Amino acid sequence: MRRILALVASLGLLAAGAHASGFVFVATPLSDATITNAEQLADDIPNCSAVAYWNQTTQSWSQHVNNSPINNFAVAVSKPFMSTVTADGIWTLCGGVPDSTTYLNAYQLAVGFSTIMLPLNMTYYTNANQVIVEIPQCNVIAYWNAATQSWSQHIQGSPINNFAPKVGYPYMLTCQSAGTWPTTLPPLKAPVGDEPQRSVSRGRMMLNSAPAQSGDR
């Protein structure tokens, strides 16, 4: 039996009729042997003209333009990417659920900004503040609001914009010191009656013009 992952959400991309293009922050939560580089990722995302990853060292985006031979960087499971799309669409993901060990020390944190994906087995977080207090190097977490084409952030300890994080989704952190995260993890457990954690799973990310809400990004 295949398991449907809880990855269905509106990412709030502005329609191409209003803007020539827009940005959508995505991640690769499933192991997919057919997507190993930037060109394959851009081909897989509907209406995508470019993909980029955040380079913590240079504190800037490193981009690959679709159909270009330049900077066709490697794509790995559980990594965040900024995609440039020209129209609404639905991105359907299919692949294996990674082992918990995949996430251990998976994210290199640098002074300044760093990107992470919330691991699939961290379903116990109900708000952004719970996440950021577990990352001692950082004090701000933000998600990309595709409807407004801007970052929406929560500052640690603040009552403002304490949004609900979602596993399998990417976030930007503001860090005061370097480090890695996470350093410990709970086991990745499949629902009762489901196949083992290496079973093939599916997920869908809708890229449309609906405004992004706290649980709808």
C-alpha atoms as a PDB file:
ATOM      1  CA  MET A   1       0.000   0.000   0.000  1.00  0.00           C
ATOM      2  CA  ARG A   2       1.333   3.413  -0.884  1.00  0.00           C
ATOM      3  CA  ARG A   3       1.236   6.145   1.694  1.00  0.00           C
ATOM      4  CA  ILE A   4       0.048   9.658   0.818  1.00  0.00           C
ATOM      5  CA  LEU A   5       2.336  12.161   2.532  1.00  0.00           C
ATOM      6  CA  ALA A   6       0.858  15.328   4.029  1.00  0.00           C
ATOM      7  CA  LEU A   7       2.534  17.597   1.502  1.00  0.00           C
ATOM      8  CA  VAL A   8      -0.549  19.079  -0.136  1.00  0.00           C
ATOM      9  CA  ALA A   9      -0.546  22.856   0.295  1.00  0.00           C
ATOM     10  CA  SER A  10      -1.009  26.056  -1.649  1.00  0.00           C
ATOM     11  CA  LEU A  11       2.287  27.877  -2.088  1.00  0.00           C
ATOM     12  CA  GLY A  12       0.496  31.034  -3.210  1.00  0.00           C
ATOM     13  CA  LEU A  13       2.329  31.798  -6.437  1.00  0.00           C
ATOM     14  CA  LEU A  14       1.195  34.988  -8.148  1.00  0.00           C
ATOM     15  CA  ALA A  15      -0.427  34.190 -11.482  1.00  0.00           C
ATOM     16  CA  ALA A  16       1.657  34.767 -14.584  1.00  0.00           C
ATOM     17  CA  GLY A  17      -1.081  37.021 -15.920  1.00  0.00           C
ATOM     18  CA  ALA A  18      -0.234  39.546 -13.218  1.00  0.00           C
ATOM     19  CA  HIS A  19       3.549  39.063 -13.246  1.00  0.00           C
ATOM     20  CA  ALA A  20       5.888  37.650 -15.868  1.00  0.00           C
ATOM     21  CA  SER A  21       7.299  35.273 -13.292  1.00  0.00           C
ATOM     22  CA  GLY A  22       7.419  34.604  -9.568  1.00  0.00           C
ATOM     23  CA  PHE A  23       9.441  32.727  -6.968  1.00  0.00           C
ATOM     24  CA  VAL A  24       8.331  29.652  -5.005  1.00  0.00           C
ATOM     25  CA  PHE A  25      10.461  28.179  -2.215  1.00  0.00           C
ATOM     26  CA  VAL A  26      10.354  24.369  -2.412  1.00  0.00           C
ATOM     27  CA  ALA A  27      12.161  21.372  -0.954  1.00  0.00           C
ATOM     28  CA  THR A  28      12.910  17.785  -1.956  1.00  0.00           C
ATOM     29  CA  PRO A  29      11.552  15.686   0.942  1.00  0.00           C
ATOM     30  CA  LEU A  30      11.492  12.345  -0.920  1.00  0.00           C
ATOM     31  CA  SER A  31      14.300  10.237  -2.386  1.00  0.00           C
ATOM     32  CA  ASP A  32      13.905  10.336  -6.165  1.00  0.00           C
ATOM     33  CA  ALA A  33      16.662   8.763  -8.285  1.00  0.00           C
ATOM     34  CA  THR A  34      15.407  10.622 -11.359  1.00  0.00           C
ATOM     35  CA  ILE A  35      16.213  14.048  -9.871  1.00  0.00           C
ATOM     36  CA  THR A  36      19.893  14.409  -9.071  1.00  0.00           C
ATOM     37  CA  ASN A  37      20.759  17.800 -10.568  1.00  0.00           C
ATOM     38  CA  ALA A  38      19.303  21.268 -11.056  1.00  0.00           C
ATOM     39  CA  GLU A  39      18.292  20.702 -14.685  1.00  0.00           C
ATOM     40  CA  GLN A  40      16.234  17.633 -13.759  1.00  0.00           C
ATOM     41  CA  LEU A  41      14.611  19.510 -10.874  1.00  0.00           C
ATOM     42  CA  ALA A  42      13.665  22.451 -13.092  1.00  0.00           C
ATOM     43  CA  ASP A  43      12.256  20.049 -15.694  1.00  0.00           C
ATOM     44  CA  ASP A  44      10.165  18.326 -13.017  1.00  0.00           C
ATOM     45  CA  ILE A  45       8.600  21.491 -11.550  1.00  0.00           C
ATOM     46  CA  PRO A  46       5.787  22.751 -13.809  1.00  0.00           C
ATOM     47  CA  ASN A  47       6.448  26.034 -15.627  1.00  0.00           C
ATOM     48  CA  CYS A  48       9.888  26.362 -13.997  1.00  0.00           C
ATOM     49  CA  SER A  49      12.531  28.430 -15.744  1.00  0.00           C
ATOM     50  CA  ALA A  50      15.252  28.381 -13.061  1.00  0.00           C
ATOM     51  CA  VAL A  51      16.152  26.890  -9.683  1.00  0.00           C
ATOM     52  CA  ALA A  52      18.610  28.153  -7.079  1.00  0.00           C
ATOM     53  CA  TYR A  53      20.084  27.107  -3.741  1.00  0.00           C
ATOM     54  CA  TRP A  54      21.219  29.388  -0.939  1.00  0.00           C
ATOM     55  CA  ASN A  55      25.002  29.509  -0.631  1.00  0.00           C
ATOM     56  CA  GLN A  56      25.722  30.092   3.061  1.00  0.00           C
ATOM     57  CA  THR A  57      29.356  30.916   2.361  1.00  0.00           C
ATOM     58  CA  THR A  58      28.682  33.752  -0.073  1.00  0.00           C
ATOM     59  CA  GLN A  59      25.291  34.617   1.480  1.00  0.00           C
ATOM     60  CA  SER A  60      23.705  34.667  -1.949  1.00  0.00           C
ATOM     61  CA  TRP A  61      21.583  32.522  -4.286  1.00  0.00           C
ATOM     62  CA  SER A  62      23.375  30.250  -6.755  1.00  0.00           C
ATOM     63  CA  GLN A  63      21.117  29.752  -9.766  1.00  0.00           C
ATOM     64  CA  HIS A  64      20.765  27.337 -12.660  1.00  0.00           C
ATOM     65  CA  VAL A  65      18.673  28.466 -15.627  1.00  0.00           C
ATOM     66  CA  ASN A  66      16.722  25.663 -17.279  1.00  0.00           C
ATOM     67  CA  ASN A  67      18.336  24.347 -20.494  1.00  0.00           C
ATOM     68  CA  SER A  68      21.615  26.083 -19.673  1.00  0.00           C
ATOM     69  CA  PRO A  69      24.908  24.170 -19.285  1.00  0.00           C
ATOM     70  CA  ILE A  70      25.994  26.576 -16.532  1.00  0.00           C
ATOM     71  CA  ASN A  71      25.903  25.700 -12.801  1.00  0.00           C
ATOM     72  CA  ASN A  72      23.958  22.450 -13.084  1.00  0.00           C
ATOM     73  CA  PHE A  73      24.469  21.791  -9.364  1.00  0.00           C
ATOM     74  CA  ALA A  74      23.695  18.546  -7.549  1.00  0.00           C
ATOM     75  CA  VAL A  75      20.274  18.064  -5.942  1.00  0.00           C
ATOM     76  CA  ALA A  76      19.936  15.931  -2.818  1.00  0.00           C
ATOM     77  CA  VAL A  77      17.015  14.799  -0.681  1.00  0.00           C
ATOM     78  CA  SER A  78      15.786  17.166   2.078  1.00  0.00           C
ATOM     79  CA  LYS A  79      17.316  20.309   0.559  1.00  0.00           C
ATOM     80  CA  PRO A  80      15.553  23.660  -0.049  1.00  0.00           C
ATOM     81  CA  PHE A  81      15.507  25.417  -3.424  1.00  0.00           C
ATOM     82  CA  MET A  82      14.071  28.651  -4.781  1.00  0.00           C
ATOM     83  CA  SER A  83      12.264  28.048  -8.068  1.00  0.00           C
ATOM     84  CA  THR A  84      11.322  30.650 -10.668  1.00  0.00           C
ATOM     85  CA  VAL A  85       8.023  29.819 -12.348  1.00  0.00           C
ATOM     86  CA  THR A  86       6.051  31.535 -15.077  1.00  0.00           C
ATOM     87  CA  ALA A  87       2.554  30.171 -14.350  1.00  0.00           C
ATOM     88  CA  ASP A  88       0.487  28.366 -11.744  1.00  0.00           C
ATOM     89  CA  GLY A  89       0.852  24.616 -11.481  1.00  0.00           C
ATOM     90  CA  ILE A  90       0.910  21.542  -9.258  1.00  0.00           C
ATOM     91  CA  TRP A  91       4.179  19.812  -8.492  1.00  0.00           C
ATOM     92  CA  THR A  92       3.670  16.095  -7.756  1.00  0.00           C
ATOM     93  CA  LEU A  93       6.484  14.403  -5.864  1.00  0.00           C
ATOM     94  CA  CYS A  94       7.034  10.646  -5.824  1.00  0.00           C
ATOM     95  CA  GLY A  95       9.839   8.783  -4.093  1.00  0.00           C
ATOM     96  CA  GLY A  96      11.056   6.926  -1.042  1.00  0.00           C
ATOM     97  CA  VAL A  97      10.823   8.243   2.501  1.00  0.00           C
ATOM     98  CA  PRO A  98      14.422   8.738   3.683  1.00  0.00           C
ATOM     99  CA  ASP A  99      15.847   7.132   6.812  1.00  0.00           C
ATOM    100  CA  SER A 100      16.135   9.289   9.912  1.00  0.00           C
ATOM    101  CA  THR A 101      19.924   9.212   9.593  1.00  0.00           C
ATOM    102  CA  THR A 102      19.576  11.287   6.426  1.00  0.00           C
ATOM    103  CA  TYR A 103      18.710  14.302   8.574  1.00  0.00           C
ATOM    104  CA  LEU A 104      21.451  14.072  11.197  1.00  0.00           C
ATOM    105  CA  ASN A 105      23.659  17.170  10.886  1.00  0.00           C
ATOM    106  CA  ALA A 106      22.109  17.645   7.434  1.00  0.00           C
ATOM    107  CA  TYR A 107      22.085  21.443   7.516  1.00  0.00           C
ATOM    108  CA  GLN A 108      25.203  23.556   7.738  1.00  0.00           C
ATOM    109  CA  LEU A 109      24.388  26.799   9.555  1.00  0.00           C
ATOM    110  CA  ALA A 110      26.467  29.916   8.934  1.00  0.00           C
ATOM    111  CA  VAL A 111      26.530  33.374  10.487  1.00  0.00           C
ATOM    112  CA  GLY A 112      23.863  35.275   8.580  1.00  0.00           C
ATOM    113  CA  PHE A 113      21.195  33.366   6.689  1.00  0.00           C
ATOM    114  CA  SER A 114      20.860  29.583   6.272  1.00  0.00           C
ATOM    115  CA  THR A 115      18.172  27.364   4.766  1.00  0.00           C
ATOM    116  CA  ILE A 116      16.657  24.152   6.116  1.00  0.00           C
ATOM    117  CA  MET A 117      13.805  21.770   5.400  1.00  0.00           C
ATOM    118  CA  LEU A 118      11.774  20.651   8.421  1.00  0.00           C
ATOM    119  CA  PRO A 119      12.421  16.871   8.531  1.00  0.00           C
ATOM    120  CA  LEU A 120       9.474  14.578   7.904  1.00  0.00           C
ATOM    121  CA  ASN A 121       9.706  13.033  11.379  1.00  0.00           C
ATOM    122  CA  MET A 122       9.388  16.364  13.216  1.00  0.00           C
ATOM    123  CA  THR A 123       5.600  16.406  13.185  1.00  0.00           C
ATOM    124  CA  TYR A 124       5.455  17.405  16.854  1.00  0.00           C
ATOM    125  CA  TYR A 125       6.173  21.098  16.211  1.00  0.00           C
ATOM    126  CA  THR A 126       2.990  23.190  16.219  1.00  0.00           C
ATOM    127  CA  ASN A 127       4.475  26.675  15.916  1.00  0.00           C
ATOM    128  CA  ALA A 128       7.586  28.426  14.623  1.00  0.00           C
ATOM    129  CA  ASN A 129       8.906  29.355  18.064  1.00  0.00           C
ATOM    130  CA  GLN A 130       9.159  25.691  19.045  1.00  0.00           C
ATOM    131  CA  VAL A 131      11.441  25.097  16.068  1.00  0.00           C
ATOM    132  CA  ILE A 132      13.730  28.072  16.545  1.00  0.00           C
ATOM    133  CA  VAL A 133      14.348  27.448  20.267  1.00  0.00           C
ATOM    134  CA  GLU A 134      15.725  24.008  19.304  1.00  0.00           C
ATOM    135  CA  ILE A 135      18.345  25.607  17.042  1.00  0.00           C
ATOM    136  CA  PRO A 136      20.690  27.419  19.476  1.00  0.00           C
ATOM    137  CA  GLN A 137      22.641  29.227  16.762  1.00  0.00           C
ATOM    138  CA  CYS A 138      19.559  30.978  15.369  1.00  0.00           C
ATOM    139  CA  ASN A 139      16.902  33.421  16.536  1.00  0.00           C
ATOM    140  CA  VAL A 140      14.688  33.987  13.471  1.00  0.00           C
ATOM    141  CA  ILE A 141      12.801  31.595  11.185  1.00  0.00           C
ATOM    142  CA  ALA A 142      10.963  32.642   8.035  1.00  0.00           C
ATOM    143  CA  TYR A 143       8.927  31.136   5.222  1.00  0.00           C
ATOM    144  CA  TRP A 144       8.570  32.497   1.704  1.00  0.00           C
ATOM    145  CA  ASN A 145       5.124  33.971   1.029  1.00  0.00           C
ATOM    146  CA  ALA A 146       4.710  33.465  -2.703  1.00  0.00           C
ATOM    147  CA  ALA A 147       1.523  35.552  -2.783  1.00  0.00           C
ATOM    148  CA  THR A 148       3.360  38.670  -1.585  1.00  0.00           C
ATOM    149  CA  GLN A 149       6.740  37.557  -2.984  1.00  0.00           C
ATOM    150  CA  SER A 150       8.390  38.296   0.346  1.00  0.00           C
ATOM    151  CA  TRP A 151       9.642  36.607   3.509  1.00  0.00           C
ATOM    152  CA  SER A 152       7.332  36.221   6.503  1.00  0.00           C
ATOM    153  CA  GLN A 153       9.400  35.823   9.667  1.00  0.00           C
ATOM    154  CA  HIS A 154       9.008  34.932  13.330  1.00  0.00           C
ATOM    155  CA  ILE A 155      11.523  36.229  15.889  1.00  0.00           C
ATOM    156  CA  GLN A 156      12.233  33.882  18.792  1.00  0.00           C
ATOM    157  CA  GLY A 157      10.153  34.751  21.854  1.00  0.00           C
ATOM    158  CA  SER A 158       7.926  37.197  19.974  1.00  0.00           C
ATOM    159  CA  PRO A 159       4.128  36.742  19.949  1.00  0.00           C
ATOM    160  CA  ILE A 160       4.046  38.046  16.365  1.00  0.00           C
ATOM    161  CA  ASN A 161       3.604  35.713  13.381  1.00  0.00           C
ATOM    162  CA  ASN A 162       4.180  32.475  15.289  1.00  0.00           C
ATOM    163  CA  PHE A 163       3.137  30.475  12.223  1.00  0.00           C
ATOM    164  CA  ALA A 164       2.535  26.728  12.030  1.00  0.00           C
ATOM    165  CA  PRO A 165       5.537  24.976  10.419  1.00  0.00           C
ATOM    166  CA  LYS A 166       5.039  22.015   8.100  1.00  0.00           C
ATOM    167  CA  VAL A 167       7.274  18.994   7.641  1.00  0.00           C
ATOM    168  CA  GLY A 168       8.808  18.713   4.206  1.00  0.00           C
ATOM    169  CA  TYR A 169       8.740  22.476   3.692  1.00  0.00           C
ATOM    170  CA  PRO A 170      11.722  24.872   3.480  1.00  0.00           C
ATOM    171  CA  TYR A 171      12.575  27.735   5.828  1.00  0.00           C
ATOM    172  CA  MET A 172      15.172  30.486   6.086  1.00  0.00           C
ATOM    173  CA  LEU A 173      17.000  30.966   9.393  1.00  0.00           C
ATOM    174  CA  THR A 174      18.930  33.932  10.778  1.00  0.00           C
ATOM    175  CA  CYS A 175      21.942  32.600  12.668  1.00  0.00           C
ATOM    176  CA  GLN A 176      24.341  34.242  15.105  1.00  0.00           C
ATOM    177  CA  SER A 177      26.970  31.495  14.948  1.00  0.00           C
ATOM    178  CA  ALA A 178      27.932  28.530  12.790  1.00  0.00           C
ATOM    179  CA  GLY A 179      26.904  24.937  13.470  1.00  0.00           C
ATOM    180  CA  THR A 180      24.899  21.983  12.183  1.00  0.00           C
ATOM    181  CA  TRP A 181      21.295  20.916  12.714  1.00  0.00           C
ATOM    182  CA  PRO A 182      19.703  18.660  13.811  1.00  0.00           C
ATOM    183  CA  THR A 183      22.133  16.859  16.057  1.00  0.00           C
ATOM    184  CA  THR A 184      19.579  14.325  17.365  1.00  0.00           C
ATOM    185  CA  LEU A 185      16.401  12.914  15.853  1.00  0.00           C
ATOM    186  CA  PRO A 186      13.471  10.722  16.833  1.00  0.00           C
ATOM    187  CA  PRO A 187      12.922   7.588  14.712  1.00  0.00           C
ATOM    188  CA  LEU A 188      10.949   7.998  11.508  1.00  0.00           C
ATOM    189  CA  LYS A 189       7.745   6.007  12.047  1.00  0.00           C
ATOM    190  CA  ALA A 190       5.196   4.970   9.438  1.00  0.00           C
ATOM    191  CA  PRO A 191       1.475   4.960  10.397  1.00  0.00           C
ATOM    192  CA  VAL A 192       0.000   1.750  11.787  1.00  0.00           C
ATOM    193  CA  GLY A 193      -0.820  -0.650   8.951  1.00  0.00           C
ATOM    194  CA  ASP A 194       1.477   1.158   6.515  1.00  0.00           C
ATOM    195  CA  GLU A 195       4.525  -0.196   4.772  1.00  0.00           C
ATOM    196  CA  PRO A 196       8.031   0.279   6.238  1.00  0.00           C
ATOM    197  CA  GLN A 197       9.580   3.710   6.002  1.00  0.00           C
ATOM    198  CA  ARG A 198      11.368   2.941   2.711  1.00  0.00           C
ATOM    199  CA  SER A 199       8.065   2.466   0.870  1.00  0.00           C
ATOM    200  CA  VAL A 200       7.307   4.632  -2.139  1.00  0.00           C
ATOM    201  CA  SER A 201       5.240   7.677  -1.243  1.00  0.00           C
ATOM    202  CA  ARG A 202       3.641  10.544  -3.056  1.00  0.00           C
ATOM    203  CA  GLY A 203       3.114  14.200  -2.296  1.00  0.00           C
ATOM    204  CA  ARG A 204       1.695  17.196  -4.128  1.00  0.00           C
ATOM    205  CA  MET A 205       2.637  20.851  -3.939  1.00  0.00           C
ATOM    206  CA  MET A 206       0.148  23.204  -5.531  1.00  0.00           C
ATOM    207  CA  LEU A 207       1.598  26.350  -7.060  1.00  0.00           C
ATOM    208  CA  ASN A 208      -1.341  28.695  -7.448  1.00  0.00           C
ATOM    209  CA  SER A 209      -2.561  32.221  -6.869  1.00  0.00           C
ATOM    210  CA  ALA A 210      -4.302  31.682  -3.509  1.00  0.00           C
ATOM    211  CA  PRO A 211      -2.919  33.838  -0.656  1.00  0.00           C
ATOM    212  CA  ALA A 212      -0.650  31.902   1.691  1.00  0.00           C
ATOM    213  CA  GLN A 213      -1.953  31.386   5.251  1.00  0.00           C
ATOM    214  CA  SER A 214      -0.210  30.009   8.331  1.00  0.00           C
ATOM    215  CA  GLY A 215      -1.149  26.457   7.392  1.00  0.00           C
ATOM    216  CA  ASP A 216      -1.377  27.027   3.657  1.00  0.00           C
ATOM    217  CA  ARG A 217       2.002  27.817   2.164  1.00  0.00           C
END
